[in-house]
Every structure is written in structure tokens, then in C-alpha cells.
N, C-alpha and C. Protein backbone atom coordinates (compact mmCIF):
# COMPACT_ATOMS: atom_id res chain seq x y z
N UNK A 1 -9.69 11.81 -7.71
CA UNK A 1 -10.36 10.87 -6.70
C UNK A 1 -10.60 9.25 -7.13
N UNK A 2 -11.37 9.22 -8.33
CA UNK A 2 -11.43 7.85 -9.12
C UNK A 2 -10.31 7.26 -9.22
N UNK A 3 -9.24 7.96 -9.63
CA UNK A 3 -8.06 7.25 -9.91
C UNK A 3 -7.47 6.46 -8.59
N UNK A 4 -7.56 7.32 -7.30
CA UNK A 4 -6.96 6.86 -6.10
C UNK A 4 -7.79 5.43 -5.60
N UNK A 5 -9.08 5.59 -5.81
CA UNK A 5 -9.98 4.55 -5.63
C UNK A 5 -9.69 3.34 -6.30
N UNK A 6 -9.47 3.41 -7.57
CA UNK A 6 -8.89 2.33 -8.39
C UNK A 6 -7.61 1.95 -7.84
N UNK A 7 -6.72 2.53 -7.90
CA UNK A 7 -5.19 2.28 -7.68
C UNK A 7 -5.54 1.63 -6.25
N UNK A 8 -6.09 1.90 -5.18
CA UNK A 8 -5.92 1.36 -3.74
C UNK A 8 -6.74 -0.06 -3.88
N UNK A 9 -7.36 -0.36 -4.76
CA UNK A 9 -8.29 -1.56 -4.83
C UNK A 9 -8.01 -2.66 -5.88
N UNK A 10 -7.17 -2.10 -6.91
CA UNK A 10 -6.26 -3.29 -7.66
C UNK A 10 -5.60 -4.20 -6.99
N UNK A 11 -5.86 -5.31 -7.59
CA UNK A 11 -4.88 -6.58 -6.92
C UNK A 11 -3.69 -7.14 -7.79
N UNK A 12 -3.75 -6.28 -8.93
CA UNK A 12 -2.66 -7.05 -9.77
C UNK A 12 -2.12 -5.84 -10.56
N UNK A 13 -0.92 -6.10 -11.10
CA UNK A 13 0.13 -4.97 -11.65
C UNK A 13 -0.95 -4.44 -12.72
N UNK A 14 -0.63 -3.15 -13.17
CA UNK A 14 -1.50 -2.48 -14.19
C UNK A 14 -0.60 -1.17 -14.63
N UNK A 15 -1.22 -0.56 -15.87
CA UNK A 15 -0.33 0.49 -16.40
C UNK A 15 -1.57 1.31 -16.17
N UNK A 16 -1.34 2.55 -16.00
CA UNK A 16 -2.43 3.71 -15.84
C UNK A 16 -2.00 4.80 -16.69
N UNK A 17 -2.65 4.92 -17.80
CA UNK A 17 -2.45 6.10 -18.90
C UNK A 17 -3.57 6.81 -18.46
N UNK A 18 -3.48 8.10 -18.82
CA UNK A 18 -4.11 9.29 -19.12
C UNK A 18 -4.17 9.82 -20.49
N UNK A 19 -5.36 9.94 -21.13
CA UNK A 19 -5.25 10.37 -22.61
C UNK A 19 -6.02 11.74 -22.20
N UNK A 20 -5.53 12.68 -23.21
CA UNK A 20 -6.01 14.01 -23.34
C UNK A 20 -5.68 14.60 -24.55
N UNK A 21 -6.82 15.64 -24.67
CA UNK A 21 -6.50 16.54 -25.85
C UNK A 21 -6.66 17.95 -25.44
N UNK A 22 -6.70 18.06 -24.18
CA UNK A 22 -6.45 19.29 -23.58
C UNK A 22 -5.09 20.06 -23.94
N UNK A 23 -5.31 21.46 -24.40
CA UNK A 23 -4.25 22.36 -24.54
C UNK A 23 -3.76 22.68 -22.92
N UNK A 24 -4.76 22.92 -22.04
CA UNK A 24 -4.57 23.49 -20.65
C UNK A 24 -4.76 22.29 -19.68
N UNK A 25 -4.17 21.21 -20.11
CA UNK A 25 -4.52 19.90 -19.25
C UNK A 25 -3.68 20.16 -17.79
N UNK A 26 -3.93 19.99 -16.65
CA UNK A 26 -3.33 20.18 -15.42
C UNK A 26 -2.31 19.09 -15.11
N UNK A 27 -1.24 19.06 -15.95
CA UNK A 27 0.04 18.11 -15.89
C UNK A 27 0.34 17.86 -14.17
N UNK A 28 0.20 19.18 -13.61
CA UNK A 28 0.91 19.13 -12.14
C UNK A 28 0.01 18.34 -11.22
N UNK A 29 -1.45 18.21 -11.44
CA UNK A 29 -2.34 17.38 -10.73
C UNK A 29 -2.08 16.12 -10.75
N UNK A 30 -1.66 15.52 -11.92
CA UNK A 30 -1.42 14.31 -12.41
C UNK A 30 0.12 13.68 -12.49
N UNK A 31 0.85 14.31 -11.85
CA UNK A 31 2.41 14.29 -11.84
C UNK A 31 2.38 12.84 -11.25
N UNK A 32 3.18 12.01 -12.07
CA UNK A 32 3.66 10.68 -12.06
C UNK A 32 2.90 9.60 -12.60
N UNK A 33 1.99 10.07 -13.39
CA UNK A 33 1.01 9.19 -14.17
C UNK A 33 1.69 9.34 -15.77
N UNK A 34 1.53 8.21 -16.48
CA UNK A 34 1.80 8.35 -17.81
C UNK A 34 0.68 9.07 -18.28
N UNK A 35 1.11 10.33 -19.00
CA UNK A 35 -0.11 11.18 -19.58
C UNK A 35 0.41 11.35 -20.93
N UNK A 36 -0.62 10.71 -21.81
CA UNK A 36 -0.70 11.05 -23.31
C UNK A 36 -1.17 12.07 -24.05
N UNK A 37 -0.63 12.95 -24.34
CA UNK A 37 -1.60 13.96 -25.20
C UNK A 37 -1.80 13.76 -26.41
N UNK A 38 -3.04 13.57 -26.82
CA UNK A 38 -3.37 12.49 -28.03
C UNK A 38 -3.09 13.55 -29.14
N UNK A 39 -2.56 14.71 -29.20
CA UNK A 39 -2.26 15.57 -30.40
C UNK A 39 -0.96 15.03 -30.78
N UNK A 40 -0.36 14.29 -30.02
CA UNK A 40 1.28 13.69 -30.32
C UNK A 40 1.20 12.40 -30.58
N UNK A 41 0.07 11.89 -30.89
CA UNK A 41 0.09 10.50 -31.06
C UNK A 41 -1.13 10.07 -32.12
N UNK A 42 -1.17 9.08 -32.87
CA UNK A 42 -2.03 8.89 -33.74
C UNK A 42 -3.43 8.50 -33.00
N UNK A 43 -4.60 8.95 -33.79
CA UNK A 43 -5.82 8.54 -33.08
C UNK A 43 -6.17 7.06 -33.08
N UNK A 44 -5.70 6.50 -33.98
CA UNK A 44 -5.80 5.05 -34.19
C UNK A 44 -5.28 4.39 -32.78
N UNK A 45 -4.08 4.77 -32.33
CA UNK A 45 -3.22 4.03 -31.19
C UNK A 45 -4.05 4.22 -30.14
N UNK A 46 -4.38 5.59 -29.92
CA UNK A 46 -5.15 6.02 -28.75
C UNK A 46 -6.43 5.27 -28.30
N UNK A 47 -7.45 5.03 -29.74
CA UNK A 47 -8.51 4.20 -29.72
C UNK A 47 -8.27 2.79 -29.37
N UNK A 48 -7.43 2.26 -29.82
CA UNK A 48 -6.81 0.69 -29.44
C UNK A 48 -6.70 0.65 -28.11
N UNK A 49 -6.16 1.62 -27.53
CA UNK A 49 -5.61 1.41 -26.16
C UNK A 49 -6.58 1.63 -25.31
N UNK A 50 -7.68 2.39 -25.73
CA UNK A 50 -9.01 2.52 -24.83
C UNK A 50 -9.84 1.44 -24.88
N UNK A 51 -9.74 0.74 -26.22
CA UNK A 51 -10.73 -0.39 -26.54
C UNK A 51 -10.10 -1.63 -25.64
N UNK A 52 -8.75 -1.66 -25.59
CA UNK A 52 -8.47 -2.81 -24.93
C UNK A 52 -7.66 -2.74 -23.27
N UNK A 53 -8.20 -1.44 -22.80
CA UNK A 53 -8.10 -1.38 -21.59
C UNK A 53 -8.91 -2.29 -20.66
N UNK A 54 -8.49 -2.68 -19.37
CA UNK A 54 -8.88 -3.47 -18.51
C UNK A 54 -10.19 -2.68 -17.71
N UNK A 55 -9.47 -1.39 -17.50
CA UNK A 55 -10.50 -0.31 -16.93
C UNK A 55 -10.79 0.77 -17.74
N UNK A 56 -11.61 1.24 -18.12
CA UNK A 56 -11.89 2.53 -18.91
C UNK A 56 -12.84 3.65 -18.35
N UNK A 57 -12.09 4.61 -17.72
CA UNK A 57 -12.83 5.52 -17.18
C UNK A 57 -13.17 6.52 -18.34
N UNK A 58 -14.39 6.70 -18.71
CA UNK A 58 -14.73 7.73 -19.54
C UNK A 58 -14.70 8.96 -19.49
N UNK A 59 -14.01 9.91 -20.42
CA UNK A 59 -14.19 11.27 -20.55
C UNK A 59 -15.37 11.77 -20.84
N UNK A 60 -15.55 13.00 -21.16
CA UNK A 60 -16.98 13.77 -21.53
C UNK A 60 -16.49 13.92 -23.06
N UNK A 61 -16.43 12.67 -23.80
CA UNK A 61 -15.93 12.61 -25.44
C UNK A 61 -16.53 11.38 -25.92
N UNK A 62 -17.12 11.75 -27.27
CA UNK A 62 -17.60 10.69 -27.96
C UNK A 62 -16.69 9.75 -28.60
N UNK A 63 -15.41 10.14 -28.61
CA UNK A 63 -14.26 9.39 -28.81
C UNK A 63 -14.10 8.22 -27.63
N UNK A 64 -14.02 8.56 -26.36
CA UNK A 64 -13.91 7.75 -25.45
C UNK A 64 -15.09 6.49 -25.34
N UNK A 65 -16.26 7.41 -25.76
CA UNK A 65 -17.72 6.63 -25.67
C UNK A 65 -17.81 5.50 -26.60
N UNK A 66 -17.05 5.92 -27.70
CA UNK A 66 -17.01 4.81 -28.72
C UNK A 66 -16.09 3.82 -28.74
N UNK A 67 -15.31 4.04 -27.95
CA UNK A 67 -14.20 2.78 -27.70
C UNK A 67 -14.95 2.13 -26.53
N UNK A 68 -15.54 2.50 -25.60
CA UNK A 68 -16.33 1.85 -24.39
C UNK A 68 -17.33 0.93 -24.91
N UNK A 69 -17.92 1.54 -26.05
CA UNK A 69 -18.75 0.35 -26.63
C UNK A 69 -18.41 -0.86 -27.13
N UNK A 70 -17.23 -1.23 -27.52
CA UNK A 70 -16.44 -2.05 -27.77
C UNK A 70 -15.45 -2.88 -26.87
N UNK A 71 -15.53 -2.06 -25.88
CA UNK A 71 -14.71 -2.46 -24.70
C UNK A 71 -15.10 -3.79 -23.92
N UNK A 72 -14.37 -4.67 -23.41
CA UNK A 72 -14.91 -5.81 -22.68
C UNK A 72 -14.52 -5.70 -21.15
N UNK A 73 -13.95 -4.63 -20.84
CA UNK A 73 -13.58 -4.47 -19.60
C UNK A 73 -14.63 -3.80 -18.74
N UNK A 74 -13.98 -3.22 -17.63
CA UNK A 74 -14.91 -2.28 -16.50
C UNK A 74 -14.88 -0.95 -17.24
N UNK A 75 -16.28 -0.40 -17.40
CA UNK A 75 -16.18 0.63 -17.91
C UNK A 75 -17.15 1.47 -16.83
N UNK A 76 -16.34 2.78 -16.61
CA UNK A 76 -16.65 3.86 -15.37
C UNK A 76 -17.23 4.83 -16.03
N UNK A 77 -18.69 5.18 -15.93
CA UNK A 77 -19.17 6.20 -16.96
C UNK A 77 -19.23 7.56 -15.77
N UNK A 78 -18.91 8.54 -16.33
CA UNK A 78 -19.20 10.01 -15.98
C UNK A 78 -20.12 10.72 -16.73
N UNK A 79 -21.06 10.85 -16.06
CA UNK A 79 -22.39 11.47 -16.83
C UNK A 79 -22.23 12.68 -17.71
N UNK A 80 -22.70 12.40 -18.81
CA UNK A 80 -22.71 13.37 -20.22
C UNK A 80 -23.70 13.32 -21.00
N UNK A 81 -23.45 13.94 -22.29
CA UNK A 81 -24.85 13.59 -23.23
C UNK A 81 -24.86 12.48 -24.01
N UNK A 82 -24.00 11.57 -23.71
CA UNK A 82 -24.09 10.12 -24.33
C UNK A 82 -24.87 9.42 -23.13
N UNK A 83 -25.56 8.39 -23.40
CA UNK A 83 -26.38 7.65 -22.05
C UNK A 83 -25.51 6.44 -21.75
N UNK A 84 -25.62 6.34 -20.57
CA UNK A 84 -24.97 4.99 -19.80
C UNK A 84 -25.48 3.90 -20.26
N UNK A 85 -24.47 2.93 -20.80
CA UNK A 85 -25.01 1.37 -20.88
C UNK A 85 -25.49 0.72 -19.76
N UNK A 86 -26.27 -0.38 -19.86
CA UNK A 86 -26.73 -1.11 -18.49
C UNK A 86 -25.44 -1.55 -17.81
N UNK A 87 -24.41 -2.05 -18.41
CA UNK A 87 -23.55 -2.94 -17.54
C UNK A 87 -22.35 -1.97 -17.29
N UNK A 88 -22.42 -0.72 -17.59
CA UNK A 88 -21.70 0.15 -17.11
C UNK A 88 -21.74 0.78 -15.81
N UNK A 89 -20.71 1.32 -15.17
CA UNK A 89 -21.10 1.83 -13.86
C UNK A 89 -20.58 2.87 -13.35
N UNK A 90 -21.40 3.87 -12.87
CA UNK A 90 -21.23 4.91 -12.54
C UNK A 90 -19.88 5.23 -11.37
N UNK A 91 -19.32 6.56 -11.27
CA UNK A 91 -18.42 6.79 -10.22
C UNK A 91 -18.93 6.42 -8.89
N UNK A 92 -20.08 6.67 -8.68
CA UNK A 92 -21.04 6.67 -7.37
C UNK A 92 -20.97 4.96 -7.05
N UNK A 93 -21.40 4.25 -8.17
CA UNK A 93 -21.51 2.91 -7.76
C UNK A 93 -20.26 2.28 -7.77
N UNK A 94 -19.37 2.61 -8.22
CA UNK A 94 -17.79 2.20 -7.99
C UNK A 94 -17.37 2.52 -6.68
N UNK A 95 -17.71 3.44 -6.11
CA UNK A 95 -17.25 3.85 -4.58
C UNK A 95 -18.05 3.12 -3.72
N UNK A 96 -19.51 2.84 -3.98
CA UNK A 96 -20.25 2.37 -3.07
C UNK A 96 -19.81 0.59 -3.22
N UNK A 97 -19.81 -0.10 -4.15
CA UNK A 97 -19.28 -1.23 -4.19
C UNK A 97 -17.89 -1.55 -3.46
N UNK A 98 -17.06 -0.32 -3.52
CA UNK A 98 -15.65 -0.82 -3.11
C UNK A 98 -15.85 -0.47 -1.50
N UNK A 99 -16.64 0.25 -0.95
CA UNK A 99 -16.94 0.69 0.37
C UNK A 99 -17.49 -0.69 1.16
N UNK A 100 -18.39 -1.35 0.24
CA UNK A 100 -18.90 -2.59 0.86
C UNK A 100 -17.89 -3.62 0.74
N UNK A 101 -16.86 -3.81 0.00
CA UNK A 101 -16.08 -4.80 0.28
C UNK A 101 -15.02 -4.58 1.37
N UNK A 102 -14.73 -3.26 1.79
CA UNK A 102 -14.00 -3.07 3.06
C UNK A 102 -14.66 -2.90 4.10
């Protein structure tokens, strides 16, 4: 759902990459997206991609959280054991902001 919202409201070209470490990841659900199974790539490369992404949708992982701490783009926070920073937005806030614009 969050990917659909972002895709419908982006005004420029973009690359959408989904990073996962899940062995049982639902590839069918995300058919058509560039899915990077992080077991097949270097952690450094994945981490750098997260750091330099324009929009980073956090997974429930310390790895993505650490990248978000130094990312200068839009951070979309999905609640979990690490706390949200003030300048990050939640999925609900993102939905509400987009609905106000439309």
C-alpha cells in the first residue's frame, strides 16, 4: 500500500528497490519491482543504497534504522523497537499529507 501511494505521487523518474533478507519473502506480491535479496549482495553496497536513497521506507531492522540516521532524504517510519526521530514521518502522516494535497 505505501509503495502505491509513493509511486502515484512522485513527480520525477525514480528507481524503486526493495531490499530483503527474508528467505520466505513474497516475491509474487512485489512482482515487477527490483528486489534485492541482501544475502546475494554485500552489506556495504546495500547500506550505501539505503543511505543515499531519496525516500527510505524503514523495515523493522536495525540495519535500515542505522542507514536512516544518516540519510538526508524522506524517511518513512514504520513503528518498531527503535524510536522515530522528529523529522521522520509515519505511514499515516504520509497518507494524510498526500490526501491533503489531492
